[in-house]
Amino acid sequence: MKNDKQDFFKQVYEVAKLIPEGRVTTYGAIAQYLGMKSSARVVGWAMNAAHGDISIPAHRVVNRVGLLSGKHHFEGTNLMQQLLESEGVVVKEHKVQNFNDFYWDPCKEL
């Protein structure tokens, strides 16, 4: 079972690496793309485990309404928001503004 989780996490990371700069996607969108529609929470666990690897843009993965729900897993109080804003994503009160303008759907884009 451990290998299955590691393999799924690896697949999550490969999708996350494809999110274009200045765009965001959701845990659920990645889960759906990987054929595991009900596994958004597991995608979240994968993103939490990825924060030590700068090659994985975990800051570009948010919840289904654009909230920076993983922000507490980043160093500093606002690092996730700062990273997104440095890419042109507008964030206010821990939420991506104009979410649909920044949303990237791997099911439609890949």
PDB file of N, CA and C in Angstrom:
ATOM      1  N   MET A   1       0.823  -1.199   0.000  1.00  0.00           N
ATOM      2  CA  MET A   1       0.000   0.000   0.000  1.00  0.00           C
ATOM      3  C   MET A   1       0.865   1.260   0.000  1.00  0.00           C
ATOM      4  N   LYS A   2       2.001   1.210   0.702  1.00  0.00           N
ATOM      5  CA  LYS A   2       2.875   2.372   0.765  1.00  0.00           C
ATOM      6  C   LYS A   2       3.351   2.777  -0.628  1.00  0.00           C
ATOM      7  N   ASN A   3       3.675   1.804  -1.464  1.00  0.00           N
ATOM      8  CA  ASN A   3       4.119   2.106  -2.828  1.00  0.00           C
ATOM      9  C   ASN A   3       3.023   2.769  -3.643  1.00  0.00           C
ATOM     10  N   ASP A   4       1.766   2.361  -3.418  1.00  0.00           N
ATOM     11  CA  ASP A   4       0.654   2.979  -4.134  1.00  0.00           C
ATOM     12  C   ASP A   4       0.567   4.468  -3.800  1.00  0.00           C
ATOM     13  N   LYS A   5       0.715   4.802  -2.508  1.00  0.00           N
ATOM     14  CA  LYS A   5       0.658   6.196  -2.084  1.00  0.00           C
ATOM     15  C   LYS A   5       1.833   6.968  -2.679  1.00  0.00           C
ATOM     16  N   GLN A   6       3.017   6.392  -2.634  1.00  0.00           N
ATOM     17  CA  GLN A   6       4.195   7.054  -3.194  1.00  0.00           C
ATOM     18  C   GLN A   6       4.028   7.275  -4.688  1.00  0.00           C
ATOM     19  N   ASP A   7       3.480   6.291  -5.393  1.00  0.00           N
ATOM     20  CA  ASP A   7       3.246   6.433  -6.828  1.00  0.00           C
ATOM     21  C   ASP A   7       2.223   7.525  -7.106  1.00  0.00           C
ATOM     22  N   PHE A   8       1.156   7.576  -6.310  1.00  0.00           N
ATOM     23  CA  PHE A   8       0.141   8.608  -6.496  1.00  0.00           C
ATOM     24  C   PHE A   8       0.742   9.978  -6.230  1.00  0.00           C
ATOM     25  N   PHE A   9       1.511  10.119  -5.152  1.00  0.00           N
ATOM     26  CA  PHE A   9       2.156  11.390  -4.858  1.00  0.00           C
ATOM     27  C   PHE A   9       3.048  11.814  -6.035  1.00  0.00           C
ATOM     28  N   LYS A  10       3.783  10.883  -6.589  1.00  0.00           N
ATOM     29  CA  LYS A  10       4.666  11.191  -7.725  1.00  0.00           C
ATOM     30  C   LYS A  10       3.846  11.691  -8.914  1.00  0.00           C
ATOM     31  N   GLN A  11       2.707  11.072  -9.169  1.00  0.00           N
ATOM     32  CA  GLN A  11       1.833  11.512 -10.258  1.00  0.00           C
ATOM     33  C   GLN A  11       1.297  12.915  -9.983  1.00  0.00           C
ATOM     34  N   VAL A  12       0.932  13.181  -8.740  1.00  0.00           N
ATOM     35  CA  VAL A  12       0.456  14.511  -8.344  1.00  0.00           C
ATOM     36  C   VAL A  12       1.546  15.539  -8.632  1.00  0.00           C
ATOM     37  N   TYR A  13       2.772  15.231  -8.259  1.00  0.00           N
ATOM     38  CA  TYR A  13       3.879  16.169  -8.456  1.00  0.00           C
ATOM     39  C   TYR A  13       4.129  16.437  -9.938  1.00  0.00           C
ATOM     40  N   GLU A  14       3.992  15.425 -10.747  1.00  0.00           N
ATOM     41  CA  GLU A  14       4.200  15.618 -12.191  1.00  0.00           C
ATOM     42  C   GLU A  14       3.147  16.569 -12.771  1.00  0.00           C
ATOM     43  N   VAL A  15       1.908  16.453 -12.321  1.00  0.00           N
ATOM     44  CA  VAL A  15       0.857  17.376 -12.781  1.00  0.00           C
ATOM     45  C   VAL A  15       1.136  18.780 -12.251  1.00  0.00           C
ATOM     46  N   ALA A  16       1.487  18.879 -10.973  1.00  0.00           N
ATOM     47  CA  ALA A  16       1.744  20.196 -10.374  1.00  0.00           C
ATOM     48  C   ALA A  16       2.859  20.932 -11.111  1.00  0.00           C
ATOM     49  N   LYS A  17       3.847  20.209 -11.569  1.00  0.00           N
ATOM     50  CA  LYS A  17       4.966  20.831 -12.293  1.00  0.00           C
ATOM     51  C   LYS A  17       4.525  21.433 -13.628  1.00  0.00           C
ATOM     52  N   LEU A  18       3.362  21.035 -14.110  1.00  0.00           N
ATOM     53  CA  LEU A  18       2.852  21.528 -15.397  1.00  0.00           C
ATOM     54  C   LEU A  18       1.984  22.779 -15.262  1.00  0.00           C
ATOM     55  N   ILE A  19       1.637  23.148 -14.029  1.00  0.00           N
ATOM     56  CA  ILE A  19       0.798  24.339 -13.833  1.00  0.00           C
ATOM     57  C   ILE A  19       1.610  25.554 -14.285  1.00  0.00           C
ATOM     58  N   PRO A  20       1.099  26.307 -15.238  1.00  0.00           N
ATOM     59  CA  PRO A  20       1.856  27.460 -15.729  1.00  0.00           C
ATOM     60  C   PRO A  20       2.034  28.538 -14.658  1.00  0.00           C
ATOM     61  N   GLU A  21       3.126  29.250 -14.749  1.00  0.00           N
ATOM     62  CA  GLU A  21       3.363  30.376 -13.855  1.00  0.00           C
ATOM     63  C   GLU A  21       2.217  31.370 -14.000  1.00  0.00           C
ATOM     64  N   GLY A  22       1.767  31.891 -12.878  1.00  0.00           N
ATOM     65  CA  GLY A  22       0.662  32.855 -12.907  1.00  0.00           C
ATOM     66  C   GLY A  22      -0.712  32.231 -12.983  1.00  0.00           C
ATOM     67  N   ARG A  23      -0.783  30.915 -12.819  1.00  0.00           N
ATOM     68  CA  ARG A  23      -2.066  30.205 -12.838  1.00  0.00           C
ATOM     69  C   ARG A  23      -2.167  29.353 -11.581  1.00  0.00           C
ATOM     70  N   VAL A  24      -3.367  28.930 -11.249  1.00  0.00           N
ATOM     71  CA  VAL A  24      -3.593  28.039 -10.112  1.00  0.00           C
ATOM     72  C   VAL A  24      -4.532  26.918 -10.534  1.00  0.00           C
ATOM     73  N   THR A  25      -4.454  25.831  -9.811  1.00  0.00           N
ATOM     74  CA  THR A  25      -5.417  24.751  -9.992  1.00  0.00           C
ATOM     75  C   THR A  25      -5.850  24.287  -8.609  1.00  0.00           C
ATOM     76  N   THR A  26      -6.724  23.299  -8.576  1.00  0.00           N
ATOM     77  CA  THR A  26      -7.248  22.838  -7.296  1.00  0.00           C
ATOM     78  C   THR A  26      -6.821  21.403  -7.024  1.00  0.00           C
ATOM     79  N   TYR A  27      -6.920  21.047  -5.748  1.00  0.00           N
ATOM     80  CA  TYR A  27      -6.625  19.674  -5.346  1.00  0.00           C
ATOM     81  C   TYR A  27      -7.550  18.721  -6.098  1.00  0.00           C
ATOM     82  N   GLY A  28      -8.822  19.095  -6.186  1.00  0.00           N
ATOM     83  CA  GLY A  28      -9.804  18.252  -6.864  1.00  0.00           C
ATOM     84  C   GLY A  28      -9.558  18.106  -8.346  1.00  0.00           C
ATOM     85  N   ALA A  29      -9.099  19.172  -8.995  1.00  0.00           N
ATOM     86  CA  ALA A  29      -8.822  19.107 -10.430  1.00  0.00           C
ATOM     87  C   ALA A  29      -7.676  18.144 -10.718  1.00  0.00           C
ATOM     88  N   ILE A  30      -6.664  18.169  -9.857  1.00  0.00           N
ATOM     89  CA  ILE A  30      -5.549  17.232 -10.037  1.00  0.00           C
ATOM     90  C   ILE A  30      -6.030  15.812  -9.803  1.00  0.00           C
ATOM     91  N   ALA A  31      -6.827  15.604  -8.758  1.00  0.00           N
ATOM     92  CA  ALA A  31      -7.362  14.267  -8.470  1.00  0.00           C
ATOM     93  C   ALA A  31      -8.197  13.760  -9.633  1.00  0.00           C
ATOM     94  N   GLN A  32      -9.051  14.615 -10.170  1.00  0.00           N
ATOM     95  CA  GLN A  32      -9.890  14.206 -11.301  1.00  0.00           C
ATOM     96  C   GLN A  32      -9.037  13.860 -12.516  1.00  0.00           C
ATOM     97  N   TYR A  33      -8.039  14.677 -12.801  1.00  0.00           N
ATOM     98  CA  TYR A  33      -7.156  14.410 -13.937  1.00  0.00           C
ATOM     99  C   TYR A  33      -6.486  13.042 -13.799  1.00  0.00           C
ATOM    100  N   LEU A  34      -6.137  12.675 -12.571  1.00  0.00           N
ATOM    101  CA  LEU A  34      -5.463  11.395 -12.327  1.00  0.00           C
ATOM    102  C   LEU A  34      -6.439  10.233 -12.197  1.00  0.00           C
ATOM    103  N   GLY A  35      -7.730  10.488 -12.435  1.00  0.00           N
ATOM    104  CA  GLY A  35      -8.724   9.425 -12.383  1.00  0.00           C
ATOM    105  C   GLY A  35      -9.131   9.028 -10.978  1.00  0.00           C
ATOM    106  N   MET A  36      -8.891   9.927 -10.021  1.00  0.00           N
ATOM    107  CA  MET A  36      -9.205   9.659  -8.621  1.00  0.00           C
ATOM    108  C   MET A  36     -10.058  10.795  -8.078  1.00  0.00           C
ATOM    109  N   LYS A  37     -11.192  11.036  -8.698  1.00  0.00           N
ATOM    110  CA  LYS A  37     -12.031  12.202  -8.434  1.00  0.00           C
ATOM    111  C   LYS A  37     -12.272  12.472  -6.945  1.00  0.00           C
ATOM    112  N   SER A  38     -12.410  11.442  -6.151  1.00  0.00           N
ATOM    113  CA  SER A  38     -12.720  11.635  -4.731  1.00  0.00           C
ATOM    114  C   SER A  38     -11.463  11.709  -3.853  1.00  0.00           C
ATOM    115  N   SER A  39     -10.316  11.926  -4.449  1.00  0.00           N
ATOM    116  CA  SER A  39      -9.059  11.921  -3.693  1.00  0.00           C
ATOM    117  C   SER A  39      -8.417  13.295  -3.554  1.00  0.00           C
ATOM    118  N   ALA A  40      -9.214  14.349  -3.558  1.00  0.00           N
ATOM    119  CA  ALA A  40      -8.666  15.700  -3.418  1.00  0.00           C
ATOM    120  C   ALA A  40      -7.863  15.838  -2.124  1.00  0.00           C
ATOM    121  N   ARG A  41      -8.336  15.230  -1.064  1.00  0.00           N
ATOM    122  CA  ARG A  41      -7.631  15.317   0.222  1.00  0.00           C
ATOM    123  C   ARG A  41      -6.250  14.674   0.122  1.00  0.00           C
ATOM    124  N   VAL A  42      -6.146  13.570  -0.599  1.00  0.00           N
ATOM    125  CA  VAL A  42      -4.848  12.906  -0.759  1.00  0.00           C
ATOM    126  C   VAL A  42      -3.907  13.784  -1.590  1.00  0.00           C
ATOM    127  N   VAL A  43      -4.445  14.490  -2.571  1.00  0.00           N
ATOM    128  CA  VAL A  43      -3.637  15.453  -3.325  1.00  0.00           C
ATOM    129  C   VAL A  43      -3.118  16.523  -2.362  1.00  0.00           C
ATOM    130  N   GLY A  44      -3.949  16.966  -1.450  1.00  0.00           N
ATOM    131  CA  GLY A  44      -3.516  17.924  -0.437  1.00  0.00           C
ATOM    132  C   GLY A  44      -2.382  17.383   0.411  1.00  0.00           C
ATOM    133  N   TRP A  45      -2.466  16.129   0.800  1.00  0.00           N
ATOM    134  CA  TRP A  45      -1.384  15.518   1.579  1.00  0.00           C
ATOM    135  C   TRP A  45      -0.100  15.490   0.762  1.00  0.00           C
ATOM    136  N   ALA A  46      -0.232  15.189  -0.525  1.00  0.00           N
ATOM    137  CA  ALA A  46       0.949  15.170  -1.396  1.00  0.00           C
ATOM    138  C   ALA A  46       1.574  16.560  -1.479  1.00  0.00           C
ATOM    139  N   MET A  47       0.733  17.585  -1.629  1.00  0.00           N
ATOM    140  CA  MET A  47       1.254  18.955  -1.697  1.00  0.00           C
ATOM    141  C   MET A  47       1.946  19.334  -0.388  1.00  0.00           C
ATOM    142  N   ASN A  48       1.363  18.927   0.742  1.00  0.00           N
ATOM    143  CA  ASN A  48       1.982  19.224   2.034  1.00  0.00           C
ATOM    144  C   ASN A  48       3.348  18.568   2.156  1.00  0.00           C
ATOM    145  N   ALA A  49       3.476  17.373   1.610  1.00  0.00           N
ATOM    146  CA  ALA A  49       4.747  16.651   1.674  1.00  0.00           C
ATOM    147  C   ALA A  49       5.779  17.200   0.680  1.00  0.00           C
ATOM    148  N   ALA A  50       5.342  18.029  -0.254  1.00  0.00           N
ATOM    149  CA  ALA A  50       6.220  18.519  -1.323  1.00  0.00           C
ATOM    150  C   ALA A  50       6.920  19.825  -0.995  1.00  0.00           C
ATOM    151  N   HIS A  51       6.605  20.451   0.114  1.00  0.00           N
ATOM    152  CA  HIS A  51       7.097  21.801   0.372  1.00  0.00           C
ATOM    153  C   HIS A  51       8.607  21.915   0.471  1.00  0.00           C
ATOM    154  N   GLY A  52       9.301  20.842   0.700  1.00  0.00           N
ATOM    155  CA  GLY A  52      10.756  20.907   0.736  1.00  0.00           C
ATOM    156  C   GLY A  52      11.391  20.874  -0.642  1.00  0.00           C
ATOM    157  N   ASP A  53      10.613  20.567  -1.654  1.00  0.00           N
ATOM    158  CA  ASP A  53      11.124  20.426  -3.018  1.00  0.00           C
ATOM    159  C   ASP A  53      10.706  21.640  -3.841  1.00  0.00           C
ATOM    160  N   ILE A  54      11.661  22.524  -4.118  1.00  0.00           N
ATOM    161  CA  ILE A  54      11.320  23.759  -4.831  1.00  0.00           C
ATOM    162  C   ILE A  54      10.967  23.530  -6.298  1.00  0.00           C
ATOM    163  N   SER A  55      11.201  22.320  -6.814  1.00  0.00           N
ATOM    164  CA  SER A  55      10.829  22.048  -8.206  1.00  0.00           C
ATOM    165  C   SER A  55       9.328  21.800  -8.357  1.00  0.00           C
ATOM    166  N   ILE A  56       8.622  21.636  -7.234  1.00  0.00           N
ATOM    167  CA  ILE A  56       7.179  21.401  -7.257  1.00  0.00           C
ATOM    168  C   ILE A  56       6.483  22.684  -6.804  1.00  0.00           C
ATOM    169  N   PRO A  57       5.750  23.344  -7.692  1.00  0.00           N
ATOM    170  CA  PRO A  57       5.102  24.618  -7.339  1.00  0.00           C
ATOM    171  C   PRO A  57       3.815  24.417  -6.536  1.00  0.00           C
ATOM    172  N   ALA A  58       3.975  23.928  -5.319  1.00  0.00           N
ATOM    173  CA  ALA A  58       2.820  23.640  -4.463  1.00  0.00           C
ATOM    174  C   ALA A  58       1.991  24.887  -4.185  1.00  0.00           C
ATOM    175  N   HIS A  59       2.594  26.055  -4.281  1.00  0.00           N
ATOM    176  CA  HIS A  59       1.855  27.297  -4.025  1.00  0.00           C
ATOM    177  C   HIS A  59       0.770  27.548  -5.056  1.00  0.00           C
ATOM    178  N   ARG A  60       0.836  26.874  -6.196  1.00  0.00           N
ATOM    179  CA  ARG A  60      -0.155  27.062  -7.258  1.00  0.00           C
ATOM    180  C   ARG A  60      -1.372  26.159  -7.109  1.00  0.00           C
ATOM    181  N   VAL A  61      -1.441  25.393  -6.026  1.00  0.00           N
ATOM    182  CA  VAL A  61      -2.572  24.494  -5.796  1.00  0.00           C
ATOM    183  C   VAL A  61      -3.366  25.023  -4.608  1.00  0.00           C
ATOM    184  N   VAL A  62      -4.639  25.308  -4.862  1.00  0.00           N
ATOM    185  CA  VAL A  62      -5.525  25.914  -3.866  1.00  0.00           C
ATOM    186  C   VAL A  62      -6.798  25.069  -3.746  1.00  0.00           C
ATOM    187  N   ASN A  63      -7.680  25.460  -2.841  1.00  0.00           N
ATOM    188  CA  ASN A  63      -8.916  24.684  -2.731  1.00  0.00           C
ATOM    189  C   ASN A  63      -9.906  25.087  -3.831  1.00  0.00           C
ATOM    190  N   ARG A  64     -11.053  24.468  -3.850  1.00  0.00           N
ATOM    191  CA  ARG A  64     -11.990  24.592  -4.979  1.00  0.00           C
ATOM    192  C   ARG A  64     -12.572  25.986  -5.170  1.00  0.00           C
ATOM    193  N   VAL A  65     -12.467  26.849  -4.165  1.00  0.00           N
ATOM    194  CA  VAL A  65     -12.967  28.213  -4.316  1.00  0.00           C
ATOM    195  C   VAL A  65     -11.834  29.243  -4.343  1.00  0.00           C
ATOM    196  N   GLY A  66     -10.600  28.757  -4.395  1.00  0.00           N
ATOM    197  CA  GLY A  66      -9.460  29.657  -4.494  1.00  0.00           C
ATOM    198  C   GLY A  66      -8.819  30.048  -3.185  1.00  0.00           C
ATOM    199  N   LEU A  67      -9.251  29.451  -2.080  1.00  0.00           N
ATOM    200  CA  LEU A  67      -8.628  29.747  -0.793  1.00  0.00           C
ATOM    201  C   LEU A  67      -7.241  29.113  -0.706  1.00  0.00           C
ATOM    202  N   LEU A  68      -6.320  29.831  -0.093  1.00  0.00           N
ATOM    203  CA  LEU A  68      -4.967  29.319   0.102  1.00  0.00           C
ATOM    204  C   LEU A  68      -4.967  28.401   1.324  1.00  0.00           C
ATOM    205  N   SER A  69      -5.645  27.285   1.197  1.00  0.00           N
ATOM    206  CA  SER A  69      -5.859  26.392   2.340  1.00  0.00           C
ATOM    207  C   SER A  69      -4.577  25.706   2.799  1.00  0.00           C
ATOM    208  N   GLY A  70      -3.553  25.689   1.974  1.00  0.00           N
ATOM    209  CA  GLY A  70      -2.285  25.065   2.359  1.00  0.00           C
ATOM    210  C   GLY A  70      -1.257  26.061   2.848  1.00  0.00           C
ATOM    211  N   LYS A  71      -1.657  27.305   3.047  1.00  0.00           N
ATOM    212  CA  LYS A  71      -0.705  28.370   3.360  1.00  0.00           C
ATOM    213  C   LYS A  71       0.090  28.127   4.638  1.00  0.00           C
ATOM    214  N   HIS A  72      -0.493  27.446   5.601  1.00  0.00           N
ATOM    215  CA  HIS A  72       0.203  27.212   6.870  1.00  0.00           C
ATOM    216  C   HIS A  72       1.335  26.197   6.748  1.00  0.00           C
ATOM    217  N   HIS A  73       1.460  25.531   5.602  1.00  0.00           N
ATOM    218  CA  HIS A  73       2.539  24.576   5.385  1.00  0.00           C
ATOM    219  C   HIS A  73       3.783  25.236   4.777  1.00  0.00           C
ATOM    220  N   PHE A  74       3.689  26.517   4.466  1.00  0.00           N
ATOM    221  CA  PHE A  74       4.816  27.244   3.913  1.00  0.00           C
ATOM    222  C   PHE A  74       5.525  28.000   5.031  1.00  0.00           C
ATOM    223  N   GLU A  75       6.840  28.178   4.869  1.00  0.00           N
ATOM    224  CA  GLU A  75       7.586  28.966   5.855  1.00  0.00           C
ATOM    225  C   GLU A  75       7.091  30.408   5.814  1.00  0.00           C
ATOM    226  N   GLY A  76       7.130  31.066   6.949  1.00  0.00           N
ATOM    227  CA  GLY A  76       6.681  32.449   7.003  1.00  0.00           C
ATOM    228  C   GLY A  76       5.169  32.525   7.016  1.00  0.00           C
ATOM    229  N   THR A  77       4.653  33.688   7.303  1.00  0.00           N
ATOM    230  CA  THR A  77       3.214  33.820   7.444  1.00  0.00           C
ATOM    231  C   THR A  77       2.478  33.989   6.121  1.00  0.00           C
ATOM    232  N   ASN A  78       3.134  34.536   5.114  1.00  0.00           N
ATOM    233  CA  ASN A  78       2.452  34.811   3.849  1.00  0.00           C
ATOM    234  C   ASN A  78       3.210  34.319   2.626  1.00  0.00           C
ATOM    235  N   LEU A  79       4.096  33.338   2.782  1.00  0.00           N
ATOM    236  CA  LEU A  79       4.941  32.926   1.656  1.00  0.00           C
ATOM    237  C   LEU A  79       4.123  32.438   0.464  1.00  0.00           C
ATOM    238  N   MET A  80       3.098  31.640   0.705  1.00  0.00           N
ATOM    239  CA  MET A  80       2.286  31.130  -0.406  1.00  0.00           C
ATOM    240  C   MET A  80       1.681  32.297  -1.178  1.00  0.00           C
ATOM    241  N   GLN A  81       1.117  33.244  -0.456  1.00  0.00           N
ATOM    242  CA  GLN A  81       0.526  34.419  -1.090  1.00  0.00           C
ATOM    243  C   GLN A  81       1.592  35.229  -1.829  1.00  0.00           C
ATOM    244  N   GLN A  82       2.746  35.419  -1.227  1.00  0.00           N
ATOM    245  CA  GLN A  82       3.815  36.185  -1.860  1.00  0.00           C
ATOM    246  C   GLN A  82       4.285  35.528  -3.151  1.00  0.00           C
ATOM    247  N   LEU A  83       4.405  34.217  -3.138  1.00  0.00           N
ATOM    248  CA  LEU A  83       4.819  33.499  -4.351  1.00  0.00           C
ATOM    249  C   LEU A  83       3.794  33.680  -5.467  1.00  0.00           C
ATOM    250  N   LEU A  84       2.517  33.551  -5.129  1.00  0.00           N
ATOM    251  CA  LEU A  84       1.467  33.734  -6.134  1.00  0.00           C
ATOM    252  C   LEU A  84       1.459  35.170  -6.656  1.00  0.00           C
ATOM    253  N   GLU A  85       1.547  36.128  -5.759  1.00  0.00           N
ATOM    254  CA  GLU A  85       1.526  37.529  -6.177  1.00  0.00           C
ATOM    255  C   GLU A  85       2.735  37.875  -7.044  1.00  0.00           C
ATOM    256  N   SER A  86       3.878  37.239  -6.778  1.00  0.00           N
ATOM    257  CA  SER A  86       5.060  37.494  -7.605  1.00  0.00           C
ATOM    258  C   SER A  86       4.869  36.990  -9.030  1.00  0.00           C
ATOM    259  N   GLU A  87       3.878  36.112  -9.218  1.00  0.00           N
ATOM    260  CA  GLU A  87       3.557  35.583 -10.545  1.00  0.00           C
ATOM    261  C   GLU A  87       2.359  36.306 -11.164  1.00  0.00           C
ATOM    262  N   GLY A  88       1.848  37.315 -10.484  1.00  0.00           N
ATOM    263  CA  GLY A  88       0.736  38.094 -11.021  1.00  0.00           C
ATOM    264  C   GLY A  88      -0.644  37.656 -10.580  1.00  0.00           C
ATOM    265  N   VAL A  89      -0.723  36.659  -9.702  1.00  0.00           N
ATOM    266  CA  VAL A  89      -2.013  36.201  -9.189  1.00  0.00           C
ATOM    267  C   VAL A  89      -2.445  37.165  -8.076  1.00  0.00           C
ATOM    268  N   VAL A  90      -3.666  37.648  -8.168  1.00  0.00           N
ATOM    269  CA  VAL A  90      -4.180  38.587  -7.183  1.00  0.00           C
ATOM    270  C   VAL A  90      -4.804  37.806  -6.024  1.00  0.00           C
ATOM    271  N   VAL A  91      -4.295  38.067  -4.805  1.00  0.00           N
ATOM    272  CA  VAL A  91      -4.777  37.379  -3.608  1.00  0.00           C
ATOM    273  C   VAL A  91      -5.201  38.433  -2.598  1.00  0.00           C
ATOM    274  N   LYS A  92      -6.387  38.234  -2.045  1.00  0.00           N
ATOM    275  CA  LYS A  92      -6.897  39.154  -1.026  1.00  0.00           C
ATOM    276  C   LYS A  92      -7.569  38.313   0.052  1.00  0.00           C
ATOM    277  N   GLU A  93      -7.216  38.573   1.300  1.00  0.00           N
ATOM    278  CA  GLU A  93      -7.768  37.829   2.430  1.00  0.00           C
ATOM    279  C   GLU A  93      -7.637  36.320   2.233  1.00  0.00           C
ATOM    280  N   HIS A  94      -6.455  35.897   1.801  1.00  0.00           N
ATOM    281  CA  HIS A  94      -6.095  34.480   1.640  1.00  0.00           C
ATOM    282  C   HIS A  94      -6.909  33.763   0.558  1.00  0.00           C
ATOM    283  N   LYS A  95      -7.404  34.519  -0.415  1.00  0.00           N
ATOM    284  CA  LYS A  95      -8.208  33.924  -1.482  1.00  0.00           C
ATOM    285  C   LYS A  95      -7.804  34.534  -2.821  1.00  0.00           C
ATOM    286  N   VAL A  96      -7.682  33.682  -3.836  1.00  0.00           N
ATOM    287  CA  VAL A  96      -7.382  34.149  -5.191  1.00  0.00           C
ATOM    288  C   VAL A  96      -8.582  34.938  -5.695  1.00  0.00           C
ATOM    289  N   GLN A  97      -8.337  36.169  -6.096  1.00  0.00           N
ATOM    290  CA  GLN A  97      -9.393  37.027  -6.638  1.00  0.00           C
ATOM    291  C   GLN A  97      -9.573  36.714  -8.124  1.00  0.00           C
ATOM    292  N   ASN A  98     -10.766  36.872  -8.624  1.00  0.00           N
ATOM    293  CA  ASN A  98     -11.057  36.542 -10.025  1.00  0.00           C
ATOM    294  C   ASN A  98     -10.546  35.132 -10.342  1.00  0.00           C
ATOM    295  N   PHE A  99     -10.915  34.216  -9.471  1.00  0.00           N
ATOM    296  CA  PHE A  99     -10.412  32.842  -9.520  1.00  0.00           C
ATOM    297  C   PHE A  99     -10.476  32.235 -10.921  1.00  0.00           C
ATOM    298  N   ASN A 100     -11.582  32.414 -11.618  1.00  0.00           N
ATOM    299  CA  ASN A 100     -11.737  31.805 -12.941  1.00  0.00           C
ATOM    300  C   ASN A 100     -10.722  32.330 -13.951  1.00  0.00           C
ATOM    301  N   ASP A 101     -10.256  33.553 -13.759  1.00  0.00           N
ATOM    302  CA  ASP A 101      -9.244  34.118 -14.658  1.00  0.00           C
ATOM    303  C   ASP A 101      -7.895  33.442 -14.497  1.00  0.00           C
ATOM    304  N   PHE A 102      -7.612  32.931 -13.300  1.00  0.00           N
ATOM    305  CA  PHE A 102      -6.315  32.319 -13.012  1.00  0.00           C
ATOM    306  C   PHE A 102      -6.361  30.793 -13.000  1.00  0.00           C
ATOM    307  N   TYR A 103      -7.568  30.239 -13.064  1.00  0.00           N
ATOM    308  CA  TYR A 103      -7.740  28.784 -12.936  1.00  0.00           C
ATOM    309  C   TYR A 103      -7.216  28.039 -14.155  1.00  0.00           C
ATOM    310  N   TRP A 104      -6.457  26.999 -13.876  1.00  0.00           N
ATOM    311  CA  TRP A 104      -5.904  26.109 -14.906  1.00  0.00           C
ATOM    312  C   TRP A 104      -6.438  24.719 -14.637  1.00  0.00           C
ATOM    313  N   ASP A 105      -7.153  24.152 -15.608  1.00  0.00           N
ATOM    314  CA  ASP A 105      -7.758  22.829 -15.455  1.00  0.00           C
ATOM    315  C   ASP A 105      -6.951  21.810 -16.232  1.00  0.00           C
ATOM    316  N   PRO A 106      -6.247  20.908 -15.542  1.00  0.00           N
ATOM    317  CA  PRO A 106      -5.432  19.924 -16.269  1.00  0.00           C
ATOM    318  C   PRO A 106      -6.256  19.015 -17.163  1.00  0.00           C
ATOM    319  N   CYS A 107      -7.534  18.816 -16.860  1.00  0.00           N
ATOM    320  CA  CYS A 107      -8.378  17.959 -17.706  1.00  0.00           C
ATOM    321  C   CYS A 107      -8.629  18.612 -19.078  1.00  0.00           C
ATOM    322  N   LYS A 108      -8.585  19.931 -19.120  1.00  0.00           N
ATOM    323  CA  LYS A 108      -8.818  20.641 -20.382  1.00  0.00           C
ATOM    324  C   LYS A 108      -7.540  21.088 -21.053  1.00  0.00           C
ATOM    325  N   GLU A 109      -6.474  21.259 -20.259  1.00  0.00           N
ATOM    326  CA  GLU A 109      -5.235  21.819 -20.787  1.00  0.00           C
ATOM    327  C   GLU A 109      -4.219  20.764 -21.202  1.00  0.00           C
ATOM    328  N   LEU A 110      -4.349  19.559 -20.686  1.00  0.00           N
ATOM    329  CA  LEU A 110      -3.358  18.511 -21.007  1.00  0.00           C
ATOM    330  C   LEU A 110      -3.954  17.460 -21.914  1.00  0.00           C
TER     331      LEU A 110
END
